[in-house]
């Protein structure tokens, strides 16, 4: 039995090995090449020319740059806020839509639309929505009597950060919802029936059945959401351009500004 189990494992590894080899090759070579370039005074306009080796001087200069640390802090705040909000809203949406009705199917379809919208297009939508002159956000707030003046959303640092976080959450919630919805539908219904027979409340069913069942999906979803927030560029650049006064400039935006 041990020999059979070992042969099955080796067979599985042999099937995965070619894809794993090419994946590592496609990732490692550009990474090593870029690191080697960073140790030189390199000019992308003349890539074939030999340049002076500088060691870690570029990294030392970067670590002494105040704007780098500011962009890093902005990125951490942005990524943490997007991950927490998108995960919470996506999980709640999955719990609400974990039913088999016509209305629920329509709700699922509508909630997955933001994930299909390109980031640049979504960015322009939020620019129009939060425009200080004709944006629908100020119109709704004035109609509800919440504010008496037009809020310059993209001019003030705090409100600009709120807008780019809101846009990212709107874009990322469908991923969190779909992954958790697939995990919820794989949980046997007999577990909930037995829990109800034993007198377990809805909160207890969620704590002892639903939450443990989502452990693996939860880890993968949080990882994907965080990585997506870390590398986000297009939507942030379209909405705020890193402004005002670099208040929303993440590392990806700073990289673009420094390069071009």
C-alpha atoms as a PDB file:
ATOM      1  CA  UNK A   1       0.000   0.000   0.000  1.00  0.00           C
ATOM      2  CA  UNK A   2       2.857   2.368   0.768  1.00  0.00           C
ATOM      3  CA  UNK A   3       4.463   1.562  -2.570  1.00  0.00           C
ATOM      4  CA  UNK A   4       1.173   2.203  -4.391  1.00  0.00           C
ATOM      5  CA  UNK A   5       0.684   5.526  -2.589  1.00  0.00           C
ATOM      6  CA  UNK A   6       4.247   6.556  -3.418  1.00  0.00           C
ATOM      7  CA  UNK A   7       3.773   5.696  -7.101  1.00  0.00           C
ATOM      8  CA  UNK A   8       0.600   7.756  -7.196  1.00  0.00           C
ATOM      9  CA  UNK A   9       2.391  10.738  -5.663  1.00  0.00           C
ATOM     10  CA  UNK A  10       5.271  10.441  -8.112  1.00  0.00           C
ATOM     11  CA  UNK A  11       2.804  10.171 -10.993  1.00  0.00           C
ATOM     12  CA  UNK A  12       1.060  13.340  -9.816  1.00  0.00           C
ATOM     13  CA  UNK A  13       4.373  15.175  -9.473  1.00  0.00           C
ATOM     14  CA  UNK A  14       5.405  14.045 -12.957  1.00  0.00           C
ATOM     15  CA  UNK A  15       2.223  15.573 -14.401  1.00  0.00           C
ATOM     16  CA  UNK A  16       2.785  18.876 -12.621  1.00  0.00           C
ATOM     17  CA  UNK A  17       6.546  19.050 -13.197  1.00  0.00           C
ATOM     18  CA  UNK A  18       6.544  20.420 -16.807  1.00  0.00           C
ATOM     19  CA  UNK A  19       4.150  23.255 -15.975  1.00  0.00           C
ATOM     20  CA  UNK A  20       6.023  23.989 -12.748  1.00  0.00           C
ATOM     21  CA  UNK A  21       9.352  24.074 -14.606  1.00  0.00           C
ATOM     22  CA  UNK A  22       8.181  26.594 -17.200  1.00  0.00           C
ATOM     23  CA  UNK A  23       6.413  28.674 -14.548  1.00  0.00           C
ATOM     24  CA  UNK A  24       9.588  28.912 -12.474  1.00  0.00           C
ATOM     25  CA  UNK A  25      11.620  29.687 -15.591  1.00  0.00           C
ATOM     26  CA  UNK A  26       9.286  32.461 -16.734  1.00  0.00           C
ATOM     27  CA  UNK A  27       9.276  34.004 -13.252  1.00  0.00           C
ATOM     28  CA  UNK A  28      12.861  33.501 -12.121  1.00  0.00           C
ATOM     29  CA  UNK A  29      14.690  34.712 -15.239  1.00  0.00           C
ATOM     30  CA  UNK A  30      13.002  38.157 -15.442  1.00  0.00           C
ATOM     31  CA  UNK A  31      13.379  38.524 -11.672  1.00  0.00           C
ATOM     32  CA  UNK A  32      17.104  37.717 -11.709  1.00  0.00           C
ATOM     33  CA  UNK A  33      17.634  39.828 -14.829  1.00  0.00           C
ATOM     34  CA  UNK A  34      15.895  42.827 -13.281  1.00  0.00           C
ATOM     35  CA  UNK A  35      17.874  42.470 -10.058  1.00  0.00           C
ATOM     36  CA  UNK A  36      21.135  42.346 -12.039  1.00  0.00           C
ATOM     37  CA  UNK A  37      20.118  45.475 -13.960  1.00  0.00           C
ATOM     38  CA  UNK A  38      19.390  47.266 -10.682  1.00  0.00           C
ATOM     39  CA  UNK A  39      23.026  46.813  -9.687  1.00  0.00           C
ATOM     40  CA  UNK A  40      24.204  48.891 -12.664  1.00  0.00           C
ATOM     41  CA  UNK A  41      23.749  52.359 -14.080  1.00  0.00           C
ATOM     42  CA  UNK A  42      21.470  50.933 -16.734  1.00  0.00           C
ATOM     43  CA  UNK A  43      19.817  52.811 -19.598  1.00  0.00           C
ATOM     44  CA  UNK A  44      16.742  51.139 -21.101  1.00  0.00           C
ATOM     45  CA  UNK A  45      17.172  53.205 -24.278  1.00  0.00           C
ATOM     46  CA  UNK A  46      20.508  51.461 -24.917  1.00  0.00           C
ATOM     47  CA  UNK A  47      20.134  47.964 -23.439  1.00  0.00           C
ATOM     48  CA  UNK A  48      23.116  46.465 -25.332  1.00  0.00           C
ATOM     49  CA  UNK A  49      25.643  48.894 -23.908  1.00  0.00           C
ATOM     50  CA  UNK A  50      27.825  47.949 -20.942  1.00  0.00           C
ATOM     51  CA  UNK A  51      27.265  50.083 -17.857  1.00  0.00           C
ATOM     52  CA  UNK A  52      29.108  50.728 -14.642  1.00  0.00           C
ATOM     53  CA  UNK A  53      28.510  48.335 -11.757  1.00  0.00           C
ATOM     54  CA  UNK A  54      27.204  50.258  -8.739  1.00  0.00           C
ATOM     55  CA  UNK A  55      26.357  47.501  -6.294  1.00  0.00           C
ATOM     56  CA  UNK A  56      23.562  48.375  -3.897  1.00  0.00           C
ATOM     57  CA  UNK A  57      23.924  52.155  -4.283  1.00  0.00           C
ATOM     58  CA  UNK A  58      20.529  52.437  -5.989  1.00  0.00           C
ATOM     59  CA  UNK A  59      18.859  50.610  -3.117  1.00  0.00           C
ATOM     60  CA  UNK A  60      20.626  52.829  -0.570  1.00  0.00           C
ATOM     61  CA  UNK A  61      19.415  55.914  -2.435  1.00  0.00           C
ATOM     62  CA  UNK A  62      15.884  54.528  -2.553  1.00  0.00           C
ATOM     63  CA  UNK A  63      15.818  53.824   1.179  1.00  0.00           C
ATOM     64  CA  UNK A  64      16.865  57.422   1.846  1.00  0.00           C
ATOM     65  CA  UNK A  65      14.044  58.791  -0.303  1.00  0.00           C
ATOM     66  CA  UNK A  66      11.238  60.211   1.866  1.00  0.00           C
ATOM     67  CA  UNK A  67       8.729  59.885  -0.955  1.00  0.00           C
ATOM     68  CA  UNK A  68       9.432  56.144  -1.203  1.00  0.00           C
ATOM     69  CA  UNK A  69       8.480  55.611   2.440  1.00  0.00           C
ATOM     70  CA  UNK A  70       5.411  57.797   1.994  1.00  0.00           C
ATOM     71  CA  UNK A  71       4.282  55.786  -1.036  1.00  0.00           C
ATOM     72  CA  UNK A  72       4.932  52.569   0.868  1.00  0.00           C
ATOM     73  CA  UNK A  73       2.740  53.780   3.735  1.00  0.00           C
ATOM     74  CA  UNK A  74      -0.005  54.825   1.319  1.00  0.00           C
ATOM     75  CA  UNK A  75       0.152  51.422  -0.360  1.00  0.00           C
ATOM     76  CA  UNK A  76      -0.081  49.577   2.966  1.00  0.00           C
ATOM     77  CA  UNK A  77      -3.076  51.646   4.104  1.00  0.00           C
ATOM     78  CA  UNK A  78      -4.773  51.257   0.734  1.00  0.00           C
ATOM     79  CA  UNK A  79      -4.137  47.502   0.527  1.00  0.00           C
ATOM     80  CA  UNK A  80      -5.254  46.839   4.112  1.00  0.00           C
ATOM     81  CA  UNK A  81      -8.468  48.823   3.693  1.00  0.00           C
ATOM     82  CA  UNK A  82      -9.307  47.205   0.351  1.00  0.00           C
ATOM     83  CA  UNK A  83      -8.593  43.683   1.607  1.00  0.00           C
ATOM     84  CA  UNK A  84     -10.657  44.015   4.803  1.00  0.00           C
ATOM     85  CA  UNK A  85     -13.630  45.726   3.158  1.00  0.00           C
ATOM     86  CA  UNK A  86     -13.698  43.588   0.018  1.00  0.00           C
ATOM     87  CA  UNK A  87     -13.426  40.367   2.009  1.00  0.00           C
ATOM     88  CA  UNK A  88     -16.118  41.349   4.514  1.00  0.00           C
ATOM     89  CA  UNK A  89     -18.577  42.554   1.879  1.00  0.00           C
ATOM     90  CA  UNK A  90     -17.848  39.585  -0.393  1.00  0.00           C
ATOM     91  CA  UNK A  91     -18.406  37.087   2.427  1.00  0.00           C
ATOM     92  CA  UNK A  92     -21.680  38.743   3.440  1.00  0.00           C
ATOM     93  CA  UNK A  93     -22.841  38.790  -0.176  1.00  0.00           C
ATOM     94  CA  UNK A  94     -21.988  35.108  -0.568  1.00  0.00           C
ATOM     95  CA  UNK A  95     -23.955  34.226   2.566  1.00  0.00           C
ATOM     96  CA  UNK A  96     -26.979  36.169   1.308  1.00  0.00           C
ATOM     97  CA  UNK A  97     -26.826  34.695  -2.206  1.00  0.00           C
ATOM     98  CA  UNK A  98     -26.275  31.085  -1.137  1.00  0.00           C
ATOM     99  CA  UNK A  99     -29.753  30.113  -2.267  1.00  0.00           C
ATOM    100  CA  UNK A 100     -31.297  28.630  -5.405  1.00  0.00           C
ATOM    101  CA  UNK A 101     -33.918  31.146  -6.516  1.00  0.00           C
ATOM    102  CA  UNK A 102     -34.395  33.204  -9.667  1.00  0.00           C
ATOM    103  CA  UNK A 103     -33.865  36.487  -7.861  1.00  0.00           C
ATOM    104  CA  UNK A 104     -30.631  35.224  -6.313  1.00  0.00           C
ATOM    105  CA  UNK A 105     -29.302  34.187  -9.739  1.00  0.00           C
ATOM    106  CA  UNK A 106     -29.990  37.676 -11.079  1.00  0.00           C
ATOM    107  CA  UNK A 107     -28.283  39.165  -8.027  1.00  0.00           C
ATOM    108  CA  UNK A 108     -25.211  37.020  -8.604  1.00  0.00           C
ATOM    109  CA  UNK A 109     -25.008  38.145 -12.216  1.00  0.00           C
ATOM    110  CA  UNK A 110     -25.272  41.824 -11.289  1.00  0.00           C
ATOM    111  CA  UNK A 111     -22.671  41.566  -8.541  1.00  0.00           C
ATOM    112  CA  UNK A 112     -20.156  39.874 -10.844  1.00  0.00           C
ATOM    113  CA  UNK A 113     -20.317  42.635 -13.474  1.00  0.00           C
ATOM    114  CA  UNK A 114     -17.694  44.896 -11.804  1.00  0.00           C
ATOM    115  CA  UNK A 115     -15.099  42.134 -12.086  1.00  0.00           C
ATOM    116  CA  UNK A 116     -15.585  42.088 -15.891  1.00  0.00           C
ATOM    117  CA  UNK A 117     -15.221  45.867 -16.239  1.00  0.00           C
ATOM    118  CA  UNK A 118     -11.643  46.967 -17.131  1.00  0.00           C
ATOM    119  CA  UNK A 119      -9.931  48.953 -14.398  1.00  0.00           C
ATOM    120  CA  UNK A 120      -9.470  52.040 -16.573  1.00  0.00           C
ATOM    121  CA  UNK A 121     -13.163  52.094 -17.497  1.00  0.00           C
ATOM    122  CA  UNK A 122     -14.157  51.679 -13.856  1.00  0.00           C
ATOM    123  CA  UNK A 123     -11.753  54.477 -12.943  1.00  0.00           C
ATOM    124  CA  UNK A 124     -13.415  56.895 -15.364  1.00  0.00           C
ATOM    125  CA  UNK A 125     -16.834  55.924 -13.986  1.00  0.00           C
ATOM    126  CA  UNK A 126     -15.740  56.873 -10.470  1.00  0.00           C
ATOM    127  CA  UNK A 127     -14.177  60.106 -11.741  1.00  0.00           C
ATOM    128  CA  UNK A 128     -17.537  61.088 -13.206  1.00  0.00           C
ATOM    129  CA  UNK A 129     -19.460  59.940 -10.135  1.00  0.00           C
ATOM    130  CA  UNK A 130     -17.313  61.953  -7.719  1.00  0.00           C
ATOM    131  CA  UNK A 131     -16.749  65.021  -9.838  1.00  0.00           C
ATOM    132  CA  UNK A 132     -17.229  68.159  -7.713  1.00  0.00           C
ATOM    133  CA  UNK A 133     -19.323  69.959 -10.350  1.00  0.00           C
ATOM    134  CA  UNK A 134     -21.618  67.370 -11.920  1.00  0.00           C
ATOM    135  CA  UNK A 135     -20.951  64.132 -10.021  1.00  0.00           C
ATOM    136  CA  UNK A 136     -23.911  62.019  -8.961  1.00  0.00           C
ATOM    137  CA  UNK A 137     -22.459  61.566  -5.456  1.00  0.00           C
ATOM    138  CA  UNK A 138     -22.807  65.246  -4.574  1.00  0.00           C
ATOM    139  CA  UNK A 139     -26.247  65.324  -6.175  1.00  0.00           C
ATOM    140  CA  UNK A 140     -27.503  62.444  -4.027  1.00  0.00           C
ATOM    141  CA  UNK A 141     -25.979  63.862  -0.841  1.00  0.00           C
ATOM    142  CA  UNK A 142     -27.555  67.265  -1.503  1.00  0.00           C
ATOM    143  CA  UNK A 143     -30.909  65.667  -2.285  1.00  0.00           C
ATOM    144  CA  UNK A 144     -30.787  63.714   0.989  1.00  0.00           C
ATOM    145  CA  UNK A 145     -29.804  66.848   2.897  1.00  0.00           C
ATOM    146  CA  UNK A 146     -26.594  65.276   4.178  1.00  0.00           C
ATOM    147  CA  UNK A 147     -24.401  68.148   2.995  1.00  0.00           C
ATOM    148  CA  UNK A 148     -25.195  71.679   1.857  1.00  0.00           C
ATOM    149  CA  UNK A 149     -22.160  72.207  -0.347  1.00  0.00           C
ATOM    150  CA  UNK A 150     -20.379  70.288  -3.055  1.00  0.00           C
ATOM    151  CA  UNK A 151     -17.577  68.099  -1.750  1.00  0.00           C
ATOM    152  CA  UNK A 152     -14.364  68.283  -3.839  1.00  0.00           C
ATOM    153  CA  UNK A 153     -13.771  64.549  -3.549  1.00  0.00           C
ATOM    154  CA  UNK A 154     -10.648  64.316  -5.700  1.00  0.00           C
ATOM    155  CA  UNK A 155      -9.048  67.536  -4.448  1.00  0.00           C
ATOM    156  CA  UNK A 156      -8.831  66.740  -0.737  1.00  0.00           C
ATOM    157  CA  UNK A 157      -6.368  64.013   0.366  1.00  0.00           C
ATOM    158  CA  UNK A 158      -8.750  62.136   2.696  1.00  0.00           C
ATOM    159  CA  UNK A 159     -11.681  62.054   0.301  1.00  0.00           C
ATOM    160  CA  UNK A 160      -9.438  61.137  -2.642  1.00  0.00           C
ATOM    161  CA  UNK A 161      -8.127  58.150  -0.698  1.00  0.00           C
ATOM    162  CA  UNK A 162     -11.722  57.197   0.125  1.00  0.00           C
ATOM    163  CA  UNK A 163     -12.660  57.256  -3.575  1.00  0.00           C
ATOM    164  CA  UNK A 164      -9.794  55.039  -4.754  1.00  0.00           C
ATOM    165  CA  UNK A 165     -10.456  52.567  -1.918  1.00  0.00           C
ATOM    166  CA  UNK A 166     -14.166  52.512  -2.780  1.00  0.00           C
ATOM    167  CA  UNK A 167     -13.371  51.897  -6.456  1.00  0.00           C
ATOM    168  CA  UNK A 168     -11.017  49.030  -5.588  1.00  0.00           C
ATOM    169  CA  UNK A 169     -13.560  47.450  -3.243  1.00  0.00           C
ATOM    170  CA  UNK A 170     -16.249  47.711  -5.929  1.00  0.00           C
ATOM    171  CA  UNK A 171     -13.892  45.966  -8.341  1.00  0.00           C
ATOM    172  CA  UNK A 172     -12.689  43.238  -5.950  1.00  0.00           C
ATOM    173  CA  UNK A 173     -15.885  42.230  -4.118  1.00  0.00           C
ATOM    174  CA  UNK A 174     -17.052  39.890  -6.933  1.00  0.00           C
ATOM    175  CA  UNK A 175     -13.883  37.774  -6.604  1.00  0.00           C
ATOM    176  CA  UNK A 176     -14.421  37.376  -2.863  1.00  0.00           C
ATOM    177  CA  UNK A 177     -18.099  36.634  -3.347  1.00  0.00           C
ATOM    178  CA  UNK A 178     -17.648  33.986  -6.050  1.00  0.00           C
ATOM    179  CA  UNK A 179     -14.888  32.072  -4.254  1.00  0.00           C
ATOM    180  CA  UNK A 180     -16.830  31.979  -0.995  1.00  0.00           C
ATOM    181  CA  UNK A 181     -20.066  31.138  -2.765  1.00  0.00           C
ATOM    182  CA  UNK A 182     -18.431  28.129  -4.408  1.00  0.00           C
ATOM    183  CA  UNK A 183     -17.087  27.004  -1.027  1.00  0.00           C
ATOM    184  CA  UNK A 184     -20.450  27.470   0.671  1.00  0.00           C
ATOM    185  CA  UNK A 185     -22.232  25.333  -1.915  1.00  0.00           C
ATOM    186  CA  UNK A 186     -19.781  22.505  -1.282  1.00  0.00           C
ATOM    187  CA  UNK A 187     -20.687  22.286   2.422  1.00  0.00           C
ATOM    188  CA  UNK A 188     -23.076  19.339   2.993  1.00  0.00           C
ATOM    189  CA  UNK A 189     -26.556  20.462   3.954  1.00  0.00           C
ATOM    190  CA  UNK A 190     -26.807  17.580   6.436  1.00  0.00           C
ATOM    191  CA  UNK A 191     -24.428  19.409   8.751  1.00  0.00           C
ATOM    192  CA  UNK A 192     -26.795  22.362   9.045  1.00  0.00           C
ATOM    193  CA  UNK A 193     -29.799  20.068   9.478  1.00  0.00           C
ATOM    194  CA  UNK A 194     -28.075  18.231  12.315  1.00  0.00           C
ATOM    195  CA  UNK A 195     -27.062  21.519  13.911  1.00  0.00           C
ATOM    196  CA  UNK A 196     -30.643  22.805  13.785  1.00  0.00           C
ATOM    197  CA  UNK A 197     -31.896  19.574  15.339  1.00  0.00           C
ATOM    198  CA  UNK A 198     -29.385  20.039  18.166  1.00  0.00           C
ATOM    199  CA  UNK A 199     -30.712  23.564  18.718  1.00  0.00           C
ATOM    200  CA  UNK A 200     -27.792  25.520  17.265  1.00  0.00           C
ATOM    201  CA  UNK A 201     -28.515  29.149  16.419  1.00  0.00           C
ATOM    202  CA  UNK A 202     -27.590  30.816  13.136  1.00  0.00           C
ATOM    203  CA  UNK A 203     -24.538  32.377  14.752  1.00  0.00           C
ATOM    204  CA  UNK A 204     -23.425  29.013  16.126  1.00  0.00           C
ATOM    205  CA  UNK A 205     -23.931  27.345  12.732  1.00  0.00           C
ATOM    206  CA  UNK A 206     -21.761  30.013  11.124  1.00  0.00           C
ATOM    207  CA  UNK A 207     -19.085  29.727  13.803  1.00  0.00           C
ATOM    208  CA  UNK A 208     -18.790  25.956  13.977  1.00  0.00           C
ATOM    209  CA  UNK A 209     -19.726  24.890  10.421  1.00  0.00           C
ATOM    210  CA  UNK A 210     -19.458  27.685   7.884  1.00  0.00           C
ATOM    211  CA  UNK A 211     -16.371  29.498   9.155  1.00  0.00           C
ATOM    212  CA  UNK A 212     -14.152  26.354   9.444  1.00  0.00           C
ATOM    213  CA  UNK A 213     -15.333  25.171   6.010  1.00  0.00           C
ATOM    214  CA  UNK A 214     -14.082  28.427   4.466  1.00  0.00           C
ATOM    215  CA  UNK A 215     -10.566  28.168   5.917  1.00  0.00           C
ATOM    216  CA  UNK A 216      -8.685  27.264   2.733  1.00  0.00           C
ATOM    217  CA  UNK A 217     -10.770  29.498   0.498  1.00  0.00           C
ATOM    218  CA  UNK A 218     -10.400  32.353   2.966  1.00  0.00           C
ATOM    219  CA  UNK A 219      -6.590  32.157   2.895  1.00  0.00           C
ATOM    220  CA  UNK A 220      -6.403  32.053  -0.915  1.00  0.00           C
ATOM    221  CA  UNK A 221      -8.954  34.839  -1.355  1.00  0.00           C
ATOM    222  CA  UNK A 222      -7.243  37.174   1.102  1.00  0.00           C
ATOM    223  CA  UNK A 223      -3.904  36.490  -0.589  1.00  0.00           C
ATOM    224  CA  UNK A 224      -5.280  37.222  -4.080  1.00  0.00           C
ATOM    225  CA  UNK A 225      -7.086  40.359  -2.908  1.00  0.00           C
ATOM    226  CA  UNK A 226      -3.966  41.676  -1.188  1.00  0.00           C
ATOM    227  CA  UNK A 227      -1.772  41.000  -4.224  1.00  0.00           C
ATOM    228  CA  UNK A 228      -4.303  42.688  -6.491  1.00  0.00           C
ATOM    229  CA  UNK A 229      -4.345  45.755  -4.235  1.00  0.00           C
ATOM    230  CA  UNK A 230      -0.539  45.865  -4.062  1.00  0.00           C
ATOM    231  CA  UNK A 231      -0.108  45.888  -7.829  1.00  0.00           C
ATOM    232  CA  UNK A 232      -3.057  48.121  -8.728  1.00  0.00           C
ATOM    233  CA  UNK A 233      -2.033  51.002 -10.970  1.00  0.00           C
ATOM    234  CA  UNK A 234      -4.447  51.851 -13.771  1.00  0.00           C
ATOM    235  CA  UNK A 235      -7.521  52.572 -11.691  1.00  0.00           C
ATOM    236  CA  UNK A 236      -5.601  54.703  -9.167  1.00  0.00           C
ATOM    237  CA  UNK A 237      -3.825  56.655 -11.884  1.00  0.00           C
ATOM    238  CA  UNK A 238      -7.053  57.335 -13.779  1.00  0.00           C
ATOM    239  CA  UNK A 239      -8.959  58.474 -10.682  1.00  0.00           C
ATOM    240  CA  UNK A 240      -6.396  60.592  -8.846  1.00  0.00           C
ATOM    241  CA  UNK A 241      -3.067  60.333 -10.654  1.00  0.00           C
ATOM    242  CA  UNK A 242      -1.482  59.863  -7.244  1.00  0.00           C
ATOM    243  CA  UNK A 243      -2.700  63.252  -6.065  1.00  0.00           C
ATOM    244  CA  UNK A 244      -3.572  65.563  -4.567  1.00  0.00           C
ATOM    245  CA  UNK A 245      -0.020  66.353  -3.437  1.00  0.00           C
ATOM    246  CA  UNK A 246       0.874  62.659  -3.822  1.00  0.00           C
ATOM    247  CA  UNK A 247      -1.589  61.731  -1.085  1.00  0.00           C
ATOM    248  CA  UNK A 248      -2.766  58.653  -3.031  1.00  0.00           C
ATOM    249  CA  UNK A 249       0.535  57.782  -4.695  1.00  0.00           C
ATOM    250  CA  UNK A 250       1.204  54.090  -4.119  1.00  0.00           C
ATOM    251  CA  UNK A 251       4.479  52.411  -5.067  1.00  0.00           C
ATOM    252  CA  UNK A 252       3.162  51.386  -8.477  1.00  0.00           C
ATOM    253  CA  UNK A 253       2.142  54.968  -9.260  1.00  0.00           C
ATOM    254  CA  UNK A 254       5.443  56.317  -7.957  1.00  0.00           C
ATOM    255  CA  UNK A 255       7.281  53.813 -10.156  1.00  0.00           C
ATOM    256  CA  UNK A 256       5.444  55.145 -13.200  1.00  0.00           C
ATOM    257  CA  UNK A 257       6.078  58.772 -12.241  1.00  0.00           C
ATOM    258  CA  UNK A 258       9.783  58.187 -11.633  1.00  0.00           C
ATOM    259  CA  UNK A 259      10.198  56.194 -14.856  1.00  0.00           C
ATOM    260  CA  UNK A 260       8.352  58.491 -17.237  1.00  0.00           C
END
